[in-house]
Amino acid sequence: MQVPKLVIFDCDGVLVDTENLANGRLAEWLSGAGFQTTFEYCRKHFSGRSMASVQKEIEAETDVRLGADFVERWNAGLPDLFAHGVEAIPYVRDFIEKVRAAGIAYCVASSARVSKMHITLGQTGLLPLFKHAMFSSTMVSRGKPFPDLFVHAATTMGFAPADSIVIEDSVAGTQAGIAAGMRVFSYHADPFSDPNGLAAAGGILFDDMRELAGLVPID
């Protein structure tokens, strides 16, 4: 397996432990709007997705209407939601530092807005490592599971998709990376992860960030 020229990190669930907080709130909001759901359903089906795509799917398949300002209200509430208790994924900083030491380019590409990444990466102390290259699905026409975001990130960074790898934790994100023509390493340490779905999407599974440097490889 060749050494990548670019490592693309997803943010939520890969760099920062936010998925359970976010999906807990999402389940509350959707249920309150008439879409009866659970945390477990949201965690499985909506992780890695932009709120715009979640709203589009729900409104296309049901009679529930979340409102024209749903995405804006969601984003407005994130500073409060993530004000306390957000932690970095265990050992991910060590892997980032190994990538940096090897002289390999890297960036973050997330369904979330850049402003949200500033909050969560800022809470964990990882923001200085990624301020140079932050990509959001708001920058492309289609979010995950489509390949647009990862292709945009690689192209902007000056690398071919085939020379890039993605570190993901969601099925949608894994599908997006594979569709972009990249190798995808899918993290599933969280008890609510879907390892079977990740494997079916084409991800190379791992559940400990300390394993990653040996899997990639980076030197």
N, C-alpha and C. Protein backbone atom coordinates (compact mmCIF):
# COMPACT_ATOMS: atom_id res chain seq x y z
N MET A 1 0.85 -1.19 0.00
CA MET A 1 0.00 0.00 0.00
C MET A 1 0.88 1.24 0.00
N GLN A 2 0.67 2.12 -0.96
CA GLN A 2 1.54 3.28 -1.11
C GLN A 2 1.27 4.34 -0.06
N VAL A 3 2.30 5.14 0.20
CA VAL A 3 2.17 6.25 1.13
C VAL A 3 1.31 7.33 0.48
N PRO A 4 0.29 7.84 1.16
CA PRO A 4 -0.56 8.87 0.56
C PRO A 4 0.17 10.21 0.46
N LYS A 5 -0.26 11.02 -0.48
CA LYS A 5 0.27 12.38 -0.58
C LYS A 5 -0.60 13.37 0.19
N LEU A 6 -1.84 12.96 0.46
CA LEU A 6 -2.78 13.81 1.19
C LEU A 6 -3.64 12.96 2.10
N VAL A 7 -3.77 13.39 3.35
CA VAL A 7 -4.67 12.74 4.31
C VAL A 7 -5.82 13.71 4.59
N ILE A 8 -7.05 13.25 4.30
CA ILE A 8 -8.24 14.06 4.55
C ILE A 8 -8.96 13.51 5.77
N PHE A 9 -9.11 14.35 6.78
CA PHE A 9 -9.81 13.95 8.00
C PHE A 9 -11.25 14.45 7.96
N ASP A 10 -12.20 13.58 8.26
CA ASP A 10 -13.51 14.04 8.64
C ASP A 10 -13.36 14.70 10.01
N CYS A 11 -14.34 15.48 10.43
CA CYS A 11 -14.22 16.17 11.71
C CYS A 11 -14.96 15.43 12.84
N ASP A 12 -16.28 15.46 12.79
CA ASP A 12 -17.09 14.87 13.87
C ASP A 12 -16.97 13.36 13.88
N GLY A 13 -16.54 12.83 15.01
CA GLY A 13 -16.38 11.39 15.14
C GLY A 13 -15.01 10.88 14.78
N VAL A 14 -14.20 11.71 14.12
CA VAL A 14 -12.83 11.34 13.76
C VAL A 14 -11.82 12.20 14.52
N LEU A 15 -12.04 13.51 14.52
CA LEU A 15 -11.18 14.42 15.28
C LEU A 15 -11.78 14.77 16.63
N VAL A 16 -13.09 14.98 16.65
CA VAL A 16 -13.77 15.41 17.88
C VAL A 16 -14.95 14.50 18.16
N ASP A 17 -15.21 14.28 19.44
CA ASP A 17 -16.27 13.37 19.88
C ASP A 17 -17.57 14.16 20.07
N THR A 18 -18.27 14.38 18.96
CA THR A 18 -19.48 15.21 18.99
C THR A 18 -20.73 14.48 18.50
N GLU A 19 -20.58 13.33 17.89
CA GLU A 19 -21.71 12.68 17.23
C GLU A 19 -22.87 12.38 18.18
N ASN A 20 -22.57 11.94 19.39
CA ASN A 20 -23.66 11.59 20.30
C ASN A 20 -24.39 12.83 20.80
N LEU A 21 -23.66 13.90 21.08
CA LEU A 21 -24.30 15.15 21.46
C LEU A 21 -25.21 15.66 20.35
N ALA A 22 -24.69 15.70 19.15
CA ALA A 22 -25.43 16.25 18.02
C ALA A 22 -26.66 15.41 17.68
N ASN A 23 -26.51 14.10 17.66
CA ASN A 23 -27.64 13.26 17.28
C ASN A 23 -28.69 13.16 18.37
N GLY A 24 -28.27 13.35 19.63
CA GLY A 24 -29.24 13.43 20.71
C GLY A 24 -30.14 14.64 20.53
N ARG A 25 -29.54 15.78 20.24
CA ARG A 25 -30.34 16.99 20.01
C ARG A 25 -31.18 16.86 18.75
N LEU A 26 -30.59 16.27 17.69
CA LEU A 26 -31.34 16.13 16.44
C LEU A 26 -32.59 15.29 16.64
N ALA A 27 -32.48 14.21 17.40
CA ALA A 27 -33.64 13.36 17.66
C ALA A 27 -34.74 14.15 18.38
N GLU A 28 -34.34 15.00 19.32
CA GLU A 28 -35.31 15.83 20.04
C GLU A 28 -35.99 16.81 19.09
N TRP A 29 -35.20 17.47 18.27
CA TRP A 29 -35.75 18.47 17.35
C TRP A 29 -36.70 17.83 16.33
N LEU A 30 -36.28 16.72 15.75
CA LEU A 30 -37.11 16.08 14.73
C LEU A 30 -38.41 15.55 15.32
N SER A 31 -38.32 14.94 16.50
CA SER A 31 -39.52 14.44 17.15
C SER A 31 -40.47 15.58 17.49
N GLY A 32 -39.91 16.70 17.94
CA GLY A 32 -40.73 17.86 18.25
C GLY A 32 -41.42 18.44 17.03
N ALA A 33 -40.83 18.20 15.86
CA ALA A 33 -41.41 18.72 14.62
C ALA A 33 -42.38 17.73 13.97
N GLY A 34 -42.54 16.57 14.60
CA GLY A 34 -43.50 15.60 14.08
C GLY A 34 -42.89 14.39 13.40
N PHE A 35 -41.57 14.35 13.27
CA PHE A 35 -40.90 13.18 12.70
C PHE A 35 -40.44 12.31 13.86
N GLN A 36 -41.24 11.34 14.20
CA GLN A 36 -40.95 10.52 15.38
C GLN A 36 -39.73 9.65 15.13
N THR A 37 -38.71 9.86 15.95
CA THR A 37 -37.46 9.15 15.74
C THR A 37 -36.78 8.93 17.08
N THR A 38 -35.62 8.33 17.04
CA THR A 38 -34.84 8.05 18.25
C THR A 38 -33.40 8.47 18.03
N PHE A 39 -32.68 8.59 19.13
CA PHE A 39 -31.25 8.87 19.04
C PHE A 39 -30.55 7.81 18.20
N GLU A 40 -30.90 6.54 18.43
CA GLU A 40 -30.24 5.45 17.73
C GLU A 40 -30.47 5.54 16.22
N TYR A 41 -31.69 5.90 15.81
CA TYR A 41 -31.98 6.03 14.38
C TYR A 41 -31.17 7.17 13.77
N CYS A 42 -31.16 8.31 14.45
CA CYS A 42 -30.40 9.46 13.94
C CYS A 42 -28.92 9.15 13.87
N ARG A 43 -28.42 8.47 14.89
CA ARG A 43 -26.99 8.14 14.92
C ARG A 43 -26.61 7.25 13.75
N LYS A 44 -27.50 6.31 13.40
CA LYS A 44 -27.20 5.38 12.32
C LYS A 44 -27.41 5.99 10.95
N HIS A 45 -28.49 6.76 10.78
CA HIS A 45 -28.88 7.20 9.45
C HIS A 45 -28.43 8.61 9.08
N PHE A 46 -28.17 9.45 10.07
CA PHE A 46 -27.88 10.85 9.76
C PHE A 46 -26.46 11.28 10.10
N SER A 47 -25.68 10.42 10.76
CA SER A 47 -24.29 10.78 11.07
C SER A 47 -23.51 11.02 9.79
N GLY A 48 -22.70 12.08 9.81
CA GLY A 48 -21.89 12.40 8.65
C GLY A 48 -22.61 13.19 7.58
N ARG A 49 -23.89 13.47 7.81
CA ARG A 49 -24.70 14.18 6.83
C ARG A 49 -24.85 15.64 7.21
N SER A 50 -25.03 16.49 6.21
CA SER A 50 -25.33 17.89 6.48
C SER A 50 -26.79 18.01 6.89
N MET A 51 -27.12 19.04 7.67
CA MET A 51 -28.50 19.23 8.08
C MET A 51 -29.39 19.55 6.88
N ALA A 52 -28.83 20.19 5.87
CA ALA A 52 -29.61 20.48 4.66
C ALA A 52 -30.05 19.19 3.98
N SER A 53 -29.15 18.20 3.92
CA SER A 53 -29.50 16.94 3.27
C SER A 53 -30.47 16.13 4.13
N VAL A 54 -30.34 16.22 5.45
CA VAL A 54 -31.28 15.54 6.35
C VAL A 54 -32.68 16.12 6.16
N GLN A 55 -32.78 17.44 6.15
CA GLN A 55 -34.07 18.09 5.95
C GLN A 55 -34.67 17.71 4.60
N LYS A 56 -33.86 17.73 3.57
CA LYS A 56 -34.34 17.40 2.22
C LYS A 56 -34.90 15.99 2.17
N GLU A 57 -34.21 15.05 2.79
CA GLU A 57 -34.66 13.66 2.78
C GLU A 57 -35.97 13.50 3.53
N ILE A 58 -36.05 14.07 4.73
CA ILE A 58 -37.26 13.93 5.54
C ILE A 58 -38.45 14.55 4.85
N GLU A 59 -38.28 15.71 4.28
CA GLU A 59 -39.40 16.40 3.65
C GLU A 59 -39.80 15.77 2.32
N ALA A 60 -38.86 15.07 1.69
CA ALA A 60 -39.17 14.37 0.44
C ALA A 60 -39.93 13.08 0.70
N GLU A 61 -39.68 12.45 1.85
CA GLU A 61 -40.24 11.14 2.11
C GLU A 61 -41.42 11.15 3.07
N THR A 62 -41.68 12.27 3.73
CA THR A 62 -42.78 12.36 4.69
C THR A 62 -43.53 13.67 4.49
N ASP A 63 -44.59 13.84 5.27
CA ASP A 63 -45.35 15.10 5.25
C ASP A 63 -44.80 16.11 6.24
N VAL A 64 -43.76 15.74 6.98
CA VAL A 64 -43.18 16.64 7.99
C VAL A 64 -42.47 17.80 7.30
N ARG A 65 -42.68 19.01 7.81
CA ARG A 65 -42.00 20.19 7.31
C ARG A 65 -41.24 20.83 8.46
N LEU A 66 -39.93 20.92 8.30
CA LEU A 66 -39.07 21.41 9.37
C LEU A 66 -38.93 22.93 9.39
N GLY A 67 -39.35 23.57 8.32
CA GLY A 67 -39.29 25.03 8.29
C GLY A 67 -38.12 25.54 7.47
N ALA A 68 -38.34 26.67 6.82
CA ALA A 68 -37.30 27.24 5.95
C ALA A 68 -36.05 27.64 6.73
N ASP A 69 -36.21 27.87 8.03
CA ASP A 69 -35.08 28.32 8.84
C ASP A 69 -34.47 27.20 9.67
N PHE A 70 -34.82 25.94 9.35
CA PHE A 70 -34.34 24.81 10.17
C PHE A 70 -32.82 24.77 10.27
N VAL A 71 -32.14 24.85 9.13
CA VAL A 71 -30.68 24.74 9.13
C VAL A 71 -30.06 25.91 9.88
N GLU A 72 -30.60 27.10 9.69
CA GLU A 72 -30.07 28.27 10.38
C GLU A 72 -30.27 28.16 11.90
N ARG A 73 -31.45 27.68 12.30
CA ARG A 73 -31.69 27.51 13.74
C ARG A 73 -30.77 26.45 14.32
N TRP A 74 -30.55 25.38 13.56
CA TRP A 74 -29.64 24.32 14.01
C TRP A 74 -28.24 24.88 14.24
N ASN A 75 -27.73 25.58 13.26
CA ASN A 75 -26.38 26.11 13.37
C ASN A 75 -26.26 27.17 14.46
N ALA A 76 -27.32 27.93 14.66
CA ALA A 76 -27.29 28.95 15.71
C ALA A 76 -27.19 28.34 17.10
N GLY A 77 -27.67 27.11 17.25
CA GLY A 77 -27.64 26.47 18.56
C GLY A 77 -26.38 25.69 18.86
N LEU A 78 -25.50 25.57 17.88
CA LEU A 78 -24.31 24.74 18.07
C LEU A 78 -23.32 25.30 19.09
N PRO A 79 -23.08 26.61 19.13
CA PRO A 79 -22.14 27.11 20.14
C PRO A 79 -22.53 26.70 21.55
N ASP A 80 -23.83 26.75 21.84
CA ASP A 80 -24.30 26.34 23.17
C ASP A 80 -24.14 24.84 23.37
N LEU A 81 -24.50 24.06 22.35
CA LEU A 81 -24.42 22.61 22.47
C LEU A 81 -23.00 22.14 22.71
N PHE A 82 -22.05 22.77 22.04
CA PHE A 82 -20.66 22.33 22.12
C PHE A 82 -19.80 23.21 23.04
N ALA A 83 -20.45 24.01 23.85
CA ALA A 83 -19.70 24.91 24.72
C ALA A 83 -18.88 24.16 25.77
N HIS A 84 -19.35 23.00 26.15
CA HIS A 84 -18.67 22.22 27.19
C HIS A 84 -18.70 20.74 26.82
N GLY A 85 -17.68 20.02 27.22
CA GLY A 85 -17.71 18.58 27.12
C GLY A 85 -17.24 17.97 25.82
N VAL A 86 -16.81 18.78 24.86
CA VAL A 86 -16.30 18.21 23.61
C VAL A 86 -14.83 17.83 23.81
N GLU A 87 -14.51 16.60 23.47
CA GLU A 87 -13.14 16.12 23.62
C GLU A 87 -12.61 15.61 22.28
N ALA A 88 -11.31 15.60 22.15
CA ALA A 88 -10.69 15.02 20.96
C ALA A 88 -10.83 13.51 21.01
N ILE A 89 -10.93 12.89 19.84
CA ILE A 89 -10.93 11.43 19.77
C ILE A 89 -9.59 10.92 20.31
N PRO A 90 -9.61 9.92 21.16
CA PRO A 90 -8.37 9.43 21.78
C PRO A 90 -7.29 9.10 20.75
N TYR A 91 -6.10 9.64 20.98
CA TYR A 91 -4.88 9.37 20.22
C TYR A 91 -4.88 9.95 18.81
N VAL A 92 -5.92 10.70 18.42
CA VAL A 92 -5.90 11.23 17.06
C VAL A 92 -4.83 12.30 16.89
N ARG A 93 -4.55 13.06 17.94
CA ARG A 93 -3.50 14.07 17.84
C ARG A 93 -2.15 13.41 17.55
N ASP A 94 -1.90 12.25 18.14
CA ASP A 94 -0.64 11.55 17.90
C ASP A 94 -0.50 11.18 16.43
N PHE A 95 -1.60 10.73 15.83
CA PHE A 95 -1.54 10.37 14.41
C PHE A 95 -1.33 11.62 13.55
N ILE A 96 -2.01 12.69 13.88
CA ILE A 96 -1.82 13.94 13.13
C ILE A 96 -0.36 14.37 13.17
N GLU A 97 0.24 14.29 14.33
CA GLU A 97 1.64 14.70 14.48
C GLU A 97 2.56 13.80 13.66
N LYS A 98 2.22 12.52 13.54
CA LYS A 98 3.03 11.61 12.72
C LYS A 98 2.91 11.97 11.24
N VAL A 99 1.70 12.35 10.82
CA VAL A 99 1.49 12.79 9.44
C VAL A 99 2.32 14.04 9.17
N ARG A 100 2.28 14.99 10.11
CA ARG A 100 3.04 16.22 9.97
C ARG A 100 4.54 15.95 9.92
N ALA A 101 5.00 15.07 10.80
CA ALA A 101 6.43 14.75 10.86
C ALA A 101 6.92 14.08 9.57
N ALA A 102 6.01 13.34 8.92
CA ALA A 102 6.36 12.66 7.68
C ALA A 102 6.31 13.60 6.48
N GLY A 103 5.86 14.83 6.70
CA GLY A 103 5.79 15.81 5.62
C GLY A 103 4.64 15.58 4.66
N ILE A 104 3.60 14.86 5.12
CA ILE A 104 2.43 14.57 4.28
C ILE A 104 1.40 15.68 4.47
N ALA A 105 0.85 16.15 3.37
CA ALA A 105 -0.19 17.18 3.44
C ALA A 105 -1.45 16.60 4.08
N TYR A 106 -2.22 17.47 4.73
CA TYR A 106 -3.46 17.00 5.36
C TYR A 106 -4.44 18.16 5.47
N CYS A 107 -5.72 17.81 5.65
CA CYS A 107 -6.76 18.82 5.80
C CYS A 107 -7.96 18.18 6.49
N VAL A 108 -8.97 18.98 6.79
CA VAL A 108 -10.23 18.48 7.33
C VAL A 108 -11.32 18.79 6.32
N ALA A 109 -12.23 17.83 6.10
CA ALA A 109 -13.35 18.02 5.18
C ALA A 109 -14.59 17.42 5.83
N SER A 110 -15.54 18.28 6.15
CA SER A 110 -16.68 17.88 6.97
C SER A 110 -18.00 18.35 6.37
N SER A 111 -19.06 17.64 6.71
CA SER A 111 -20.40 18.10 6.35
C SER A 111 -20.75 19.38 7.09
N ALA A 112 -20.09 19.61 8.21
CA ALA A 112 -20.37 20.78 9.03
C ALA A 112 -19.81 22.05 8.40
N ARG A 113 -20.37 23.17 8.80
CA ARG A 113 -19.84 24.46 8.38
C ARG A 113 -18.47 24.70 9.03
N VAL A 114 -17.69 25.54 8.40
CA VAL A 114 -16.38 25.89 8.95
C VAL A 114 -16.55 26.52 10.33
N SER A 115 -17.59 27.31 10.52
CA SER A 115 -17.81 27.96 11.82
C SER A 115 -18.02 26.93 12.92
N LYS A 116 -18.69 25.82 12.61
CA LYS A 116 -18.87 24.76 13.60
C LYS A 116 -17.54 24.09 13.90
N MET A 117 -16.75 23.84 12.87
CA MET A 117 -15.44 23.23 13.10
C MET A 117 -14.56 24.11 13.97
N HIS A 118 -14.67 25.42 13.79
CA HIS A 118 -13.91 26.32 14.64
C HIS A 118 -14.30 26.13 16.10
N ILE A 119 -15.58 25.89 16.36
CA ILE A 119 -16.04 25.69 17.73
C ILE A 119 -15.51 24.38 18.29
N THR A 120 -15.74 23.27 17.57
CA THR A 120 -15.39 21.96 18.13
C THR A 120 -13.89 21.72 18.15
N LEU A 121 -13.20 22.07 17.07
CA LEU A 121 -11.75 21.92 17.08
C LEU A 121 -11.12 22.88 18.07
N GLY A 122 -11.74 24.04 18.24
CA GLY A 122 -11.24 24.99 19.22
C GLY A 122 -11.37 24.47 20.64
N GLN A 123 -12.48 23.79 20.93
CA GLN A 123 -12.70 23.23 22.26
C GLN A 123 -11.66 22.18 22.61
N THR A 124 -11.16 21.47 21.61
CA THR A 124 -10.24 20.36 21.85
C THR A 124 -8.77 20.73 21.66
N GLY A 125 -8.51 21.96 21.24
CA GLY A 125 -7.14 22.38 21.02
C GLY A 125 -6.55 21.94 19.69
N LEU A 126 -7.39 21.38 18.81
CA LEU A 126 -6.89 20.90 17.52
C LEU A 126 -6.96 21.97 16.43
N LEU A 127 -7.65 23.05 16.68
CA LEU A 127 -7.86 24.05 15.63
C LEU A 127 -6.57 24.58 15.01
N PRO A 128 -5.53 24.88 15.79
CA PRO A 128 -4.29 25.38 15.16
C PRO A 128 -3.69 24.42 14.14
N LEU A 129 -3.98 23.15 14.27
CA LEU A 129 -3.43 22.15 13.35
C LEU A 129 -4.17 22.12 12.02
N PHE A 130 -5.37 22.70 11.98
CA PHE A 130 -6.20 22.59 10.77
C PHE A 130 -6.62 23.92 10.17
N LYS A 131 -6.26 25.02 10.78
CA LYS A 131 -6.71 26.31 10.27
C LYS A 131 -6.23 26.57 8.84
N HIS A 132 -5.16 25.90 8.44
CA HIS A 132 -4.60 26.12 7.10
C HIS A 132 -5.45 25.52 6.00
N ALA A 133 -6.31 24.55 6.32
CA ALA A 133 -7.05 23.84 5.27
C ALA A 133 -8.31 23.20 5.84
N MET A 134 -9.43 23.94 5.74
CA MET A 134 -10.70 23.47 6.27
C MET A 134 -11.75 23.52 5.16
N PHE A 135 -12.37 22.38 4.89
CA PHE A 135 -13.35 22.29 3.80
C PHE A 135 -14.71 21.83 4.36
N SER A 136 -15.76 22.45 3.85
CA SER A 136 -17.12 22.16 4.30
C SER A 136 -18.00 21.80 3.12
N SER A 137 -19.04 21.00 3.38
CA SER A 137 -19.97 20.65 2.32
C SER A 137 -20.72 21.87 1.78
N THR A 138 -20.66 22.98 2.52
CA THR A 138 -21.27 24.21 2.01
C THR A 138 -20.52 24.75 0.79
N MET A 139 -19.33 24.22 0.55
CA MET A 139 -18.51 24.69 -0.57
C MET A 139 -18.80 23.95 -1.87
N VAL A 140 -19.63 22.90 -1.80
CA VAL A 140 -19.93 22.11 -2.99
C VAL A 140 -21.44 21.96 -3.14
N SER A 141 -21.87 21.49 -4.30
CA SER A 141 -23.31 21.40 -4.55
C SER A 141 -23.95 20.20 -3.89
N ARG A 142 -23.18 19.13 -3.69
CA ARG A 142 -23.72 17.92 -3.08
C ARG A 142 -22.82 17.47 -1.94
N GLY A 143 -23.43 17.17 -0.80
CA GLY A 143 -22.67 16.68 0.34
C GLY A 143 -22.53 15.17 0.32
N LYS A 144 -21.95 14.61 1.36
CA LYS A 144 -21.83 13.16 1.51
C LYS A 144 -23.25 12.56 1.48
N PRO A 145 -23.43 11.42 0.82
CA PRO A 145 -22.46 10.42 0.37
C PRO A 145 -21.88 10.67 -1.04
N PHE A 146 -22.16 11.82 -1.63
CA PHE A 146 -21.56 12.13 -2.94
C PHE A 146 -20.09 12.50 -2.76
N PRO A 147 -19.28 12.33 -3.79
CA PRO A 147 -17.83 12.53 -3.66
C PRO A 147 -17.38 13.98 -3.73
N ASP A 148 -18.29 14.91 -4.00
CA ASP A 148 -17.92 16.29 -4.32
C ASP A 148 -16.98 16.94 -3.31
N LEU A 149 -17.28 16.79 -2.03
CA LEU A 149 -16.49 17.46 -1.00
C LEU A 149 -15.05 16.98 -0.99
N PHE A 150 -14.86 15.67 -1.03
CA PHE A 150 -13.51 15.13 -0.97
C PHE A 150 -12.72 15.44 -2.24
N VAL A 151 -13.40 15.41 -3.38
CA VAL A 151 -12.73 15.77 -4.64
C VAL A 151 -12.32 17.25 -4.59
N HIS A 152 -13.21 18.09 -4.09
CA HIS A 152 -12.91 19.52 -3.97
C HIS A 152 -11.72 19.75 -3.05
N ALA A 153 -11.69 19.05 -1.92
CA ALA A 153 -10.59 19.21 -0.98
C ALA A 153 -9.27 18.80 -1.61
N ALA A 154 -9.24 17.64 -2.25
CA ALA A 154 -8.00 17.15 -2.86
C ALA A 154 -7.54 18.08 -3.98
N THR A 155 -8.46 18.49 -4.82
CA THR A 155 -8.11 19.37 -5.94
C THR A 155 -7.56 20.70 -5.45
N THR A 156 -8.22 21.26 -4.45
CA THR A 156 -7.77 22.54 -3.90
C THR A 156 -6.40 22.42 -3.26
N MET A 157 -6.15 21.28 -2.63
CA MET A 157 -4.84 21.04 -2.00
C MET A 157 -3.78 20.68 -3.03
N GLY A 158 -4.19 20.41 -4.27
CA GLY A 158 -3.24 20.14 -5.34
C GLY A 158 -2.89 18.68 -5.54
N PHE A 159 -3.80 17.77 -5.15
CA PHE A 159 -3.51 16.35 -5.25
C PHE A 159 -4.61 15.61 -6.00
N ALA A 160 -4.24 14.53 -6.64
CA ALA A 160 -5.22 13.68 -7.31
C ALA A 160 -5.95 12.84 -6.27
N PRO A 161 -7.23 12.55 -6.49
CA PRO A 161 -7.96 11.70 -5.54
C PRO A 161 -7.27 10.36 -5.28
N ALA A 162 -6.67 9.78 -6.32
CA ALA A 162 -6.02 8.48 -6.16
C ALA A 162 -4.82 8.53 -5.22
N ASP A 163 -4.26 9.71 -5.02
CA ASP A 163 -3.12 9.89 -4.12
C ASP A 163 -3.55 10.32 -2.72
N SER A 164 -4.85 10.35 -2.50
CA SER A 164 -5.40 10.84 -1.23
C SER A 164 -6.09 9.73 -0.47
N ILE A 165 -6.10 9.84 0.84
CA ILE A 165 -6.88 8.92 1.67
C ILE A 165 -7.81 9.73 2.55
N VAL A 166 -8.86 9.07 3.03
CA VAL A 166 -9.85 9.70 3.89
C VAL A 166 -9.94 8.92 5.19
N ILE A 167 -10.03 9.65 6.30
CA ILE A 167 -10.29 9.04 7.60
C ILE A 167 -11.72 9.41 7.97
N GLU A 168 -12.59 8.42 8.07
CA GLU A 168 -14.01 8.65 8.27
C GLU A 168 -14.55 7.81 9.42
N ASP A 169 -15.78 8.10 9.82
CA ASP A 169 -16.45 7.25 10.81
C ASP A 169 -17.88 6.96 10.43
N SER A 170 -18.40 7.61 9.40
CA SER A 170 -19.79 7.41 9.00
C SER A 170 -19.88 6.63 7.71
N VAL A 171 -21.03 5.97 7.52
CA VAL A 171 -21.26 5.24 6.27
C VAL A 171 -21.32 6.21 5.10
N ALA A 172 -22.03 7.33 5.29
CA ALA A 172 -22.15 8.32 4.22
C ALA A 172 -20.78 8.87 3.82
N GLY A 173 -19.94 9.13 4.80
CA GLY A 173 -18.61 9.65 4.52
C GLY A 173 -17.72 8.62 3.84
N THR A 174 -17.85 7.38 4.26
CA THR A 174 -17.09 6.30 3.63
C THR A 174 -17.51 6.13 2.18
N GLN A 175 -18.81 6.16 1.94
CA GLN A 175 -19.32 6.07 0.57
C GLN A 175 -18.78 7.23 -0.28
N ALA A 176 -18.73 8.41 0.31
CA ALA A 176 -18.25 9.59 -0.42
C ALA A 176 -16.78 9.43 -0.80
N GLY A 177 -15.97 8.95 0.13
CA GLY A 177 -14.55 8.77 -0.15
C GLY A 177 -14.30 7.72 -1.22
N ILE A 178 -15.02 6.62 -1.14
CA ILE A 178 -14.87 5.56 -2.14
C ILE A 178 -15.32 6.08 -3.51
N ALA A 179 -16.43 6.82 -3.54
CA ALA A 179 -16.93 7.38 -4.80
C ALA A 179 -15.94 8.37 -5.40
N ALA A 180 -15.14 9.00 -4.53
CA ALA A 180 -14.13 9.95 -5.00
C ALA A 180 -12.88 9.26 -5.53
N GLY A 181 -12.80 7.94 -5.38
CA GLY A 181 -11.64 7.19 -5.85
C GLY A 181 -10.50 7.17 -4.85
N MET A 182 -10.83 7.32 -3.57
CA MET A 182 -9.83 7.38 -2.51
C MET A 182 -9.91 6.13 -1.64
N ARG A 183 -8.80 5.79 -1.00
CA ARG A 183 -8.85 4.77 0.04
C ARG A 183 -9.46 5.40 1.28
N VAL A 184 -10.34 4.66 1.95
CA VAL A 184 -11.02 5.18 3.13
C VAL A 184 -10.76 4.27 4.32
N PHE A 185 -10.31 4.87 5.41
CA PHE A 185 -10.09 4.16 6.65
C PHE A 185 -11.22 4.57 7.60
N SER A 186 -12.02 3.59 8.00
CA SER A 186 -13.27 3.87 8.71
C SER A 186 -13.16 3.48 10.18
N TYR A 187 -13.28 4.48 11.04
CA TYR A 187 -13.12 4.35 12.48
C TYR A 187 -14.44 3.95 13.12
N HIS A 188 -14.41 2.92 13.97
CA HIS A 188 -15.68 2.44 14.54
C HIS A 188 -15.57 2.12 16.03
N ALA A 189 -14.83 2.92 16.76
CA ALA A 189 -14.69 2.67 18.19
C ALA A 189 -15.95 3.02 18.97
N ASP A 190 -16.71 3.98 18.48
CA ASP A 190 -17.93 4.38 19.16
C ASP A 190 -18.93 3.22 19.19
N PRO A 191 -19.56 2.94 20.34
CA PRO A 191 -20.50 1.81 20.41
C PRO A 191 -21.71 1.95 19.48
N PHE A 192 -21.98 3.16 19.01
CA PHE A 192 -23.10 3.37 18.10
C PHE A 192 -22.67 3.36 16.63
N SER A 193 -21.40 3.06 16.39
CA SER A 193 -20.92 2.97 15.01
C SER A 193 -21.57 1.78 14.30
N ASP A 194 -21.46 1.78 12.98
CA ASP A 194 -22.05 0.72 12.16
C ASP A 194 -20.94 0.03 11.36
N PRO A 195 -20.14 -0.84 12.01
CA PRO A 195 -19.01 -1.45 11.31
C PRO A 195 -19.41 -2.25 10.08
N ASN A 196 -20.57 -2.91 10.14
CA ASN A 196 -21.01 -3.67 8.97
C ASN A 196 -21.31 -2.73 7.80
N GLY A 197 -21.96 -1.61 8.10
CA GLY A 197 -22.25 -0.63 7.07
C GLY A 197 -20.99 0.00 6.51
N LEU A 198 -20.02 0.27 7.39
CA LEU A 198 -18.76 0.84 6.96
C LEU A 198 -18.00 -0.12 6.05
N ALA A 199 -18.00 -1.39 6.42
CA ALA A 199 -17.32 -2.39 5.60
C ALA A 199 -18.00 -2.56 4.25
N ALA A 200 -19.34 -2.57 4.27
CA ALA A 200 -20.09 -2.72 3.02
C ALA A 200 -19.85 -1.53 2.09
N ALA A 201 -19.59 -0.36 2.68
CA ALA A 201 -19.33 0.84 1.88
C ALA A 201 -17.93 0.85 1.28
N GLY A 202 -17.08 -0.05 1.77
CA GLY A 202 -15.74 -0.15 1.20
C GLY A 202 -14.63 0.36 2.10
N GLY A 203 -14.95 0.67 3.34
CA GLY A 203 -13.95 1.19 4.26
C GLY A 203 -13.01 0.12 4.79
N ILE A 204 -11.79 0.55 5.13
CA ILE A 204 -10.83 -0.31 5.82
C ILE A 204 -11.04 -0.04 7.30
N LEU A 205 -11.52 -1.00 8.04
CA LEU A 205 -11.98 -0.76 9.40
C LEU A 205 -10.84 -0.75 10.42
N PHE A 206 -10.98 0.12 11.41
CA PHE A 206 -10.08 0.12 12.57
C PHE A 206 -10.82 0.76 13.73
N ASP A 207 -10.43 0.41 14.96
CA ASP A 207 -11.15 0.94 16.12
C ASP A 207 -10.24 1.58 17.16
N ASP A 208 -9.00 1.87 16.76
CA ASP A 208 -8.05 2.51 17.68
C ASP A 208 -7.12 3.38 16.83
N MET A 209 -7.09 4.67 17.13
CA MET A 209 -6.26 5.59 16.34
C MET A 209 -4.78 5.21 16.39
N ARG A 210 -4.37 4.46 17.39
CA ARG A 210 -2.97 4.04 17.49
C ARG A 210 -2.63 3.02 16.41
N GLU A 211 -3.63 2.38 15.82
CA GLU A 211 -3.41 1.40 14.75
C GLU A 211 -3.18 2.06 13.40
N LEU A 212 -3.63 3.31 13.28
CA LEU A 212 -3.76 3.92 11.96
C LEU A 212 -2.45 4.12 11.23
N ALA A 213 -1.41 4.53 11.95
CA ALA A 213 -0.13 4.78 11.29
C ALA A 213 0.42 3.53 10.61
N GLY A 214 0.11 2.37 11.17
CA GLY A 214 0.56 1.11 10.57
C GLY A 214 -0.31 0.66 9.42
N LEU A 215 -1.55 1.11 9.40
CA LEU A 215 -2.47 0.71 8.34
C LEU A 215 -2.28 1.55 7.07
N VAL A 216 -1.94 2.82 7.23
CA VAL A 216 -2.03 3.75 6.10
C VAL A 216 -1.10 3.41 4.92
N PRO A 217 0.21 3.29 5.04
CA PRO A 217 1.14 3.76 6.06
C PRO A 217 1.53 5.22 5.78
N ILE A 218 2.34 5.79 6.67
CA ILE A 218 2.70 7.20 6.47
C ILE A 218 4.20 7.42 6.31
N ASP A 219 4.98 6.37 6.25
CA ASP A 219 6.42 6.56 5.99
C ASP A 219 6.99 5.34 5.25
